[in-house]
C-alpha atoms as a PDB file:
ATOM      1  CA  UNK A   1      98.683  90.508 101.089  1.00  0.00           C
ATOM      2  CA  UNK A   2      99.499  92.693  98.575  1.00  0.00           C
ATOM      3  CA  UNK A   3      98.430  91.497  94.806  1.00  0.00           C
ATOM      4  CA  UNK A   4      98.795  94.710  93.002  1.00  0.00           C
ATOM      5  CA  UNK A   5     101.934  93.735  91.706  1.00  0.00           C
ATOM      6  CA  UNK A   6     100.515  91.215  89.062  1.00  0.00           C
ATOM      7  CA  UNK A   7      98.483  93.884  87.410  1.00  0.00           C
ATOM      8  CA  UNK A   8      98.793  93.119  83.782  1.00  0.00           C
ATOM      9  CA  UNK A   9      99.669  96.245  81.824  1.00  0.00           C
ATOM     10  CA  UNK A  10     100.192  94.816  78.241  1.00  0.00           C
ATOM     11  CA  UNK A  11      96.682  93.726  77.618  1.00  0.00           C
ATOM     12  CA  UNK A  12      94.734  95.874  75.711  1.00  0.00           C
ATOM     13  CA  UNK A  13      91.278  97.606  76.368  1.00  0.00           C
ATOM     14  CA  UNK A  14      89.257  99.096  73.746  1.00  0.00           C
ATOM     15  CA  UNK A  15      87.289 102.378  73.128  1.00  0.00           C
ATOM     16  CA  UNK A  16      83.617 102.314  72.530  1.00  0.00           C
ATOM     17  CA  UNK A  17      83.862 103.819  69.324  1.00  0.00           C
ATOM     18  CA  UNK A  18      86.342 101.156  67.453  1.00  0.00           C
ATOM     19  CA  UNK A  19      85.160  98.828  65.628  1.00  0.00           C
ATOM     20  CA  UNK A  20      83.901  95.218  66.675  1.00  0.00           C
ATOM     21  CA  UNK A  21      86.398  93.671  64.355  1.00  0.00           C
ATOM     22  CA  UNK A  22      88.895  94.211  66.713  1.00  0.00           C
ATOM     23  CA  UNK A  23      87.678  92.655  69.751  1.00  0.00           C
ATOM     24  CA  UNK A  24      87.154  90.033  67.485  1.00  0.00           C
ATOM     25  CA  UNK A  25      90.502  89.759  66.403  1.00  0.00           C
ATOM     26  CA  UNK A  26      91.460  89.878  70.078  1.00  0.00           C
ATOM     27  CA  UNK A  27      89.271  87.175  71.427  1.00  0.00           C
ATOM     28  CA  UNK A  28      90.235  84.875  68.343  1.00  0.00           C
ATOM     29  CA  UNK A  29      93.767  85.220  69.027  1.00  0.00           C
ATOM     30  CA  UNK A  30      93.531  85.256  72.954  1.00  0.00           C
ATOM     31  CA  UNK A  31      92.143  82.541  75.588  1.00  0.00           C
ATOM     32  CA  UNK A  32      90.715  85.426  77.627  1.00  0.00           C
ATOM     33  CA  UNK A  33      87.122  85.660  78.948  1.00  0.00           C
ATOM     34  CA  UNK A  34      86.602  89.169  78.893  1.00  0.00           C
ATOM     35  CA  UNK A  35      87.903  92.213  77.508  1.00  0.00           C
ATOM     36  CA  UNK A  36      87.682  95.956  79.121  1.00  0.00           C
ATOM     37  CA  UNK A  37      85.598  98.862  76.786  1.00  0.00           C
ATOM     38  CA  UNK A  38      86.351 102.470  78.108  1.00  0.00           C
ATOM     39  CA  UNK A  39      84.465 106.013  77.356  1.00  0.00           C
ATOM     40  CA  UNK A  40      86.224 109.305  77.323  1.00  0.00           C
ATOM     41  CA  UNK A  41      89.131 107.666  79.563  1.00  0.00           C
ATOM     42  CA  UNK A  42      86.155 105.830  81.805  1.00  0.00           C
ATOM     43  CA  UNK A  43      85.768 102.157  82.390  1.00  0.00           C
ATOM     44  CA  UNK A  44      82.139 101.446  80.962  1.00  0.00           C
ATOM     45  CA  UNK A  45      81.898  97.621  80.892  1.00  0.00           C
ATOM     46  CA  UNK A  46      83.657  94.560  79.575  1.00  0.00           C
ATOM     47  CA  UNK A  47      82.422  92.167  76.513  1.00  0.00           C
ATOM     48  CA  UNK A  48      82.607  88.598  77.004  1.00  0.00           C
ATOM     49  CA  UNK A  49      83.727  86.156  74.603  1.00  0.00           C
ATOM     50  CA  UNK A  50      80.616  84.133  74.878  1.00  0.00           C
ATOM     51  CA  UNK A  51      79.347  86.455  72.896  1.00  0.00           C
ATOM     52  CA  UNK A  52      81.523  86.538  69.867  1.00  0.00           C
ATOM     53  CA  UNK A  53      79.610  84.733  67.951  1.00  0.00           C
ATOM     54  CA  UNK A  54      76.645  87.899  67.910  1.00  0.00           C
ATOM     55  CA  UNK A  55      79.659  90.271  66.896  1.00  0.00           C
ATOM     56  CA  UNK A  56      79.147  91.691  63.527  1.00  0.00           C
ATOM     57  CA  UNK A  57      82.692  92.934  61.809  1.00  0.00           C
ATOM     58  CA  UNK A  58      81.639  95.932  60.817  1.00  0.00           C
ATOM     59  CA  UNK A  59      80.003  97.127  63.309  1.00  0.00           C
ATOM     60  CA  UNK A  60      81.277  99.403  66.347  1.00  0.00           C
ATOM     61  CA  UNK A  61      81.414  98.882  69.943  1.00  0.00           C
ATOM     62  CA  UNK A  62      78.908 101.305  70.803  1.00  0.00           C
ATOM     63  CA  UNK A  63      76.470  99.470  68.713  1.00  0.00           C
ATOM     64  CA  UNK A  64      76.708  96.608  71.287  1.00  0.00           C
ATOM     65  CA  UNK A  65      76.599  99.182  74.570  1.00  0.00           C
ATOM     66  CA  UNK A  66      73.457  96.481  76.279  1.00  0.00           C
ATOM     67  CA  UNK A  67      75.718  93.607  76.024  1.00  0.00           C
ATOM     68  CA  UNK A  68      78.426  95.060  78.180  1.00  0.00           C
ATOM     69  CA  UNK A  69      78.749  93.974  81.590  1.00  0.00           C
ATOM     70  CA  UNK A  70      79.992  95.616  85.130  1.00  0.00           C
ATOM     71  CA  UNK A  71      82.842  93.216  85.414  1.00  0.00           C
ATOM     72  CA  UNK A  72      85.691  94.491  87.333  1.00  0.00           C
ATOM     73  CA  UNK A  73      87.409  94.924  90.758  1.00  0.00           C
ATOM     74  CA  UNK A  74      89.082  97.712  92.282  1.00  0.00           C
ATOM     75  CA  UNK A  75      92.663  98.375  92.965  1.00  0.00           C
ATOM     76  CA  UNK A  76      92.358  98.280  96.934  1.00  0.00           C
ATOM     77  CA  UNK A  77      89.810  94.812  96.404  1.00  0.00           C
ATOM     78  CA  UNK A  78      91.903  92.106  98.300  1.00  0.00           C
ATOM     79  CA  UNK A  79      92.649  88.916  96.906  1.00  0.00           C
ATOM     80  CA  UNK A  80      90.280  87.044  98.669  1.00  0.00           C
ATOM     81  CA  UNK A  81      87.522  89.169  97.136  1.00  0.00           C
ATOM     82  CA  UNK A  82      89.124  89.104  93.518  1.00  0.00           C
ATOM     83  CA  UNK A  83      89.333  85.121  93.513  1.00  0.00           C
ATOM     84  CA  UNK A  84      85.650  85.405  94.149  1.00  0.00           C
ATOM     85  CA  UNK A  85      84.800  87.483  90.972  1.00  0.00           C
ATOM     86  CA  UNK A  86      86.902  85.730  89.179  1.00  0.00           C
ATOM     87  CA  UNK A  87      84.192  82.353  90.335  1.00  0.00           C
ATOM     88  CA  UNK A  88      81.373  84.194  90.282  1.00  0.00           C
ATOM     89  CA  UNK A  89      81.740  86.003  86.615  1.00  0.00           C
ATOM     90  CA  UNK A  90      83.602  82.617  85.346  1.00  0.00           C
ATOM     91  CA  UNK A  91      86.586  85.108  84.243  1.00  0.00           C
ATOM     92  CA  UNK A  92      89.924  84.254  83.589  1.00  0.00           C
ATOM     93  CA  UNK A  93      90.372  87.778  83.060  1.00  0.00           C
ATOM     94  CA  UNK A  94      89.369  90.805  85.208  1.00  0.00           C
ATOM     95  CA  UNK A  95      90.258  94.361  84.661  1.00  0.00           C
ATOM     96  CA  UNK A  96      91.319  96.692  87.844  1.00  0.00           C
ATOM     97  CA  UNK A  97      89.286  99.863  88.028  1.00  0.00           C
ATOM     98  CA  UNK A  98      91.386 102.657  89.912  1.00  0.00           C
ATOM     99  CA  UNK A  99      89.584 105.345  92.677  1.00  0.00           C
ATOM    100  CA  UNK A 100      88.720 107.656  89.117  1.00  0.00           C
ATOM    101  CA  UNK A 101      86.509 104.642  86.979  1.00  0.00           C
ATOM    102  CA  UNK A 102      90.046 104.088  84.684  1.00  0.00           C
ATOM    103  CA  UNK A 103      91.279 101.119  84.307  1.00  0.00           C
ATOM    104  CA  UNK A 104      95.120 100.040  85.561  1.00  0.00           C
ATOM    105  CA  UNK A 105      95.125  97.143  83.760  1.00  0.00           C
ATOM    106  CA  UNK A 106      93.762  93.186  84.239  1.00  0.00           C
ATOM    107  CA  UNK A 107      94.418  90.532  86.628  1.00  0.00           C
ATOM    108  CA  UNK A 108      95.041  86.864  85.256  1.00  0.00           C
ATOM    109  CA  UNK A 109      93.544  83.676  86.921  1.00  0.00           C
ATOM    110  CA  UNK A 110      96.918  81.933  86.952  1.00  0.00           C
ATOM    111  CA  UNK A 111      98.660  84.130  89.003  1.00  0.00           C
ATOM    112  CA  UNK A 112      96.061  85.192  91.294  1.00  0.00           C
ATOM    113  CA  UNK A 113      95.640  81.429  92.185  1.00  0.00           C
ATOM    114  CA  UNK A 114      99.276  81.072  92.263  1.00  0.00           C
ATOM    115  CA  UNK A 115      99.017  83.462  94.692  1.00  0.00           C
ATOM    116  CA  UNK A 116      96.659  81.766  96.991  1.00  0.00           C
ATOM    117  CA  UNK A 117      98.930  78.946  96.670  1.00  0.00           C
ATOM    118  CA  UNK A 118     101.994  80.572  98.001  1.00  0.00           C
ATOM    119  CA  UNK A 119     100.146  81.343 101.355  1.00  0.00           C
ATOM    120  CA  UNK A 120     101.398  79.103 104.302  1.00  0.00           C
ATOM    121  CA  UNK A 121      98.153  77.622 104.341  1.00  0.00           C
ATOM    122  CA  UNK A 122      99.191  75.084 101.545  1.00  0.00           C
ATOM    123  CA  UNK A 123     103.294  75.599 102.040  1.00  0.00           C
ATOM    124  CA  UNK A 124     102.836  74.856 105.947  1.00  0.00           C
ATOM    125  CA  UNK A 125     103.512  71.347 106.357  1.00  0.00           C
ATOM    126  CA  UNK A 126      99.937  69.979 108.437  1.00  0.00           C
ATOM    127  CA  UNK A 127      97.244  67.881 107.938  1.00  0.00           C
ATOM    128  CA  UNK A 128      94.031  68.806 106.001  1.00  0.00           C
ATOM    129  CA  UNK A 129      90.391  68.050 107.113  1.00  0.00           C
ATOM    130  CA  UNK A 130      86.792  69.077 105.855  1.00  0.00           C
ATOM    131  CA  UNK A 131      84.513  69.264 108.275  1.00  0.00           C
ATOM    132  CA  UNK A 132      80.599  69.918 107.945  1.00  0.00           C
ATOM    133  CA  UNK A 133      78.052  70.768 109.960  1.00  0.00           C
ATOM    134  CA  UNK A 134      74.380  73.040 110.240  1.00  0.00           C
ATOM    135  CA  UNK A 135      75.102  76.386 109.172  1.00  0.00           C
ATOM    136  CA  UNK A 136      73.407  77.827 112.369  1.00  0.00           C
ATOM    137  CA  UNK A 137      75.130  75.328 114.660  1.00  0.00           C
ATOM    138  CA  UNK A 138      79.164  75.917 113.628  1.00  0.00           C
ATOM    139  CA  UNK A 139      81.431  78.375 114.717  1.00  0.00           C
ATOM    140  CA  UNK A 140      84.973  79.207 113.613  1.00  0.00           C
ATOM    141  CA  UNK A 141      85.782  79.940 117.354  1.00  0.00           C
ATOM    142  CA  UNK A 142      84.510  76.646 118.185  1.00  0.00           C
ATOM    143  CA  UNK A 143      86.688  74.642 115.552  1.00  0.00           C
ATOM    144  CA  UNK A 144      89.798  77.047 116.821  1.00  0.00           C
ATOM    145  CA  UNK A 145      89.249  75.752 120.164  1.00  0.00           C
ATOM    146  CA  UNK A 146      88.274  71.757 118.805  1.00  0.00           C
ATOM    147  CA  UNK A 147      92.143  71.969 117.351  1.00  0.00           C
ATOM    148  CA  UNK A 148      93.806  73.788 119.626  1.00  0.00           C
ATOM    149  CA  UNK A 149      92.309  71.663 122.877  1.00  0.00           C
ATOM    150  CA  UNK A 150      94.413  69.101 121.492  1.00  0.00           C
ATOM    151  CA  UNK A 151      98.000  70.605 121.233  1.00  0.00           C
ATOM    152  CA  UNK A 152      97.538  70.954 117.695  1.00  0.00           C
ATOM    153  CA  UNK A 153      98.016  74.558 115.974  1.00  0.00           C
ATOM    154  CA  UNK A 154      95.340  76.321 113.242  1.00  0.00           C
ATOM    155  CA  UNK A 155      97.355  76.886 110.373  1.00  0.00           C
ATOM    156  CA  UNK A 156      94.341  78.279 108.669  1.00  0.00           C
ATOM    157  CA  UNK A 157      90.449  77.524 106.817  1.00  0.00           C
ATOM    158  CA  UNK A 158      87.803  78.390 105.109  1.00  0.00           C
ATOM    159  CA  UNK A 159      84.097  77.386 103.922  1.00  0.00           C
ATOM    160  CA  UNK A 160      84.590  75.703 100.875  1.00  0.00           C
ATOM    161  CA  UNK A 161      80.315  74.899 100.673  1.00  0.00           C
ATOM    162  CA  UNK A 162      77.276  75.624 101.578  1.00  0.00           C
ATOM    163  CA  UNK A 163      74.518  73.374 100.829  1.00  0.00           C
ATOM    164  CA  UNK A 164      71.156  72.762 101.581  1.00  0.00           C
ATOM    165  CA  UNK A 165      71.832  74.815 105.497  1.00  0.00           C
ATOM    166  CA  UNK A 166      74.938  72.559 105.732  1.00  0.00           C
ATOM    167  CA  UNK A 167      78.497  74.375 105.972  1.00  0.00           C
ATOM    168  CA  UNK A 168      81.657  72.671 104.773  1.00  0.00           C
ATOM    169  CA  UNK A 169      84.695  73.965 106.129  1.00  0.00           C
ATOM    170  CA  UNK A 170      88.638  73.229 105.469  1.00  0.00           C
ATOM    171  CA  UNK A 171      90.772  73.843 107.648  1.00  0.00           C
ATOM    172  CA  UNK A 172      94.793  72.648 107.989  1.00  0.00           C
ATOM    173  CA  UNK A 173      96.588  72.041 110.943  1.00  0.00           C
ATOM    174  CA  UNK A 174      99.757  71.730 111.921  1.00  0.00           C
ATOM    175  CA  UNK A 175     101.576  68.240 112.575  1.00  0.00           C
ATOM    176  CA  UNK A 176      99.653  66.485 114.760  1.00  0.00           C
ATOM    177  CA  UNK A 177      97.593  63.060 115.608  1.00  0.00           C
ATOM    178  CA  UNK A 178      95.128  63.964 113.021  1.00  0.00           C
ATOM    179  CA  UNK A 179      92.800  61.140 114.520  1.00  0.00           C
ATOM    180  CA  UNK A 180      92.326  62.518 117.849  1.00  0.00           C
ATOM    181  CA  UNK A 181      91.229  65.945 115.915  1.00  0.00           C
ATOM    182  CA  UNK A 182      88.969  64.218 114.344  1.00  0.00           C
ATOM    183  CA  UNK A 183      87.504  62.681 117.234  1.00  0.00           C
ATOM    184  CA  UNK A 184      86.965  65.324 118.843  1.00  0.00           C
ATOM    185  CA  UNK A 185      85.143  67.093 116.083  1.00  0.00           C
ATOM    186  CA  UNK A 186      82.844  64.190 116.093  1.00  0.00           C
ATOM    187  CA  UNK A 187      82.061  64.783 119.221  1.00  0.00           C
ATOM    188  CA  UNK A 188      80.951  67.984 119.133  1.00  0.00           C
ATOM    189  CA  UNK A 189      78.948  66.535 116.076  1.00  0.00           C
ATOM    190  CA  UNK A 190      80.658  67.685 113.418  1.00  0.00           C
ATOM    191  CA  UNK A 191      80.823  65.610 110.377  1.00  0.00           C
ATOM    192  CA  UNK A 192      84.231  64.399 108.908  1.00  0.00           C
ATOM    193  CA  UNK A 193      84.464  64.497 105.089  1.00  0.00           C
ATOM    194  CA  UNK A 194      87.770  64.105 104.419  1.00  0.00           C
ATOM    195  CA  UNK A 195      90.699  63.850 106.911  1.00  0.00           C
ATOM    196  CA  UNK A 196      94.178  62.855 105.272  1.00  0.00           C
ATOM    197  CA  UNK A 197      97.836  64.085 105.296  1.00  0.00           C
ATOM    198  CA  UNK A 198      99.758  67.039 103.158  1.00  0.00           C
ATOM    199  CA  UNK A 199     100.528  64.926 100.401  1.00  0.00           C
ATOM    200  CA  UNK A 200      96.991  63.627  99.704  1.00  0.00           C
ATOM    201  CA  UNK A 201      95.898  67.132  99.773  1.00  0.00           C
ATOM    202  CA  UNK A 202      98.609  68.590  97.612  1.00  0.00           C
ATOM    203  CA  UNK A 203      97.956  65.774  95.476  1.00  0.00           C
ATOM    204  CA  UNK A 204      94.649  66.861  94.694  1.00  0.00           C
ATOM    205  CA  UNK A 205      95.671  70.060  94.291  1.00  0.00           C
ATOM    206  CA  UNK A 206      97.749  69.418  91.741  1.00  0.00           C
ATOM    207  CA  UNK A 207      95.298  67.499  89.495  1.00  0.00           C
ATOM    208  CA  UNK A 208      92.960  70.386  89.922  1.00  0.00           C
ATOM    209  CA  UNK A 209      95.571  73.038  88.806  1.00  0.00           C
ATOM    210  CA  UNK A 210      95.916  70.784  85.838  1.00  0.00           C
ATOM    211  CA  UNK A 211      92.443  70.632  85.013  1.00  0.00           C
ATOM    212  CA  UNK A 212      92.511  74.768  85.454  1.00  0.00           C
ATOM    213  CA  UNK A 213      95.447  74.876  82.530  1.00  0.00           C
ATOM    214  CA  UNK A 214      93.565  72.624  79.983  1.00  0.00           C
ATOM    215  CA  UNK A 215      90.434  74.818  80.886  1.00  0.00           C
ATOM    216  CA  UNK A 216      92.792  77.893  80.465  1.00  0.00           C
ATOM    217  CA  UNK A 217      94.314  76.845  77.151  1.00  0.00           C
ATOM    218  CA  UNK A 218      91.175  75.683  75.326  1.00  0.00           C
END
């Protein structure tokens, strides 16, 4: 999946020699988490909105070089890795860097989440299961075999949690009798954490999306 068309080029980045007053003004008028800083056309790091209270308007960005963080993604970074970078850095804006170290623009979290929601995992009709098993005992090939042995189609799946050596996997299957699939998973010693139809899952997703919108507008 190509996400490069979602690169935003109308959000500014700042030169390391510029006044922090401009950065302060930027953060005070936007809800973004980070902004990129460049030097000689090269990306040198980002300033975080979390550090805003420590900035002194009469100083230059150069005076806070030690605050710059290496938070970015490459032009070639896949959309899943971009999502991971957003989560890992608790960011809603990420600079996109080309192969020469220049800043091409930014990815906005809401745009990338929108790309994710438009994938067949969400748009195809089917049922949602969340299963859990020991990290050394599960495999995606086994999960696929369980689904397909019940004459169902596996639309997609991904790991949604790892805790105390237990892996939680969310999967989506084509229209079928979920009860039979659930019983097969139990015979293979999987714990069923959630099993329901698309409507309930999409309602949960909508609630989470509403929460995300409120968070981004704080």
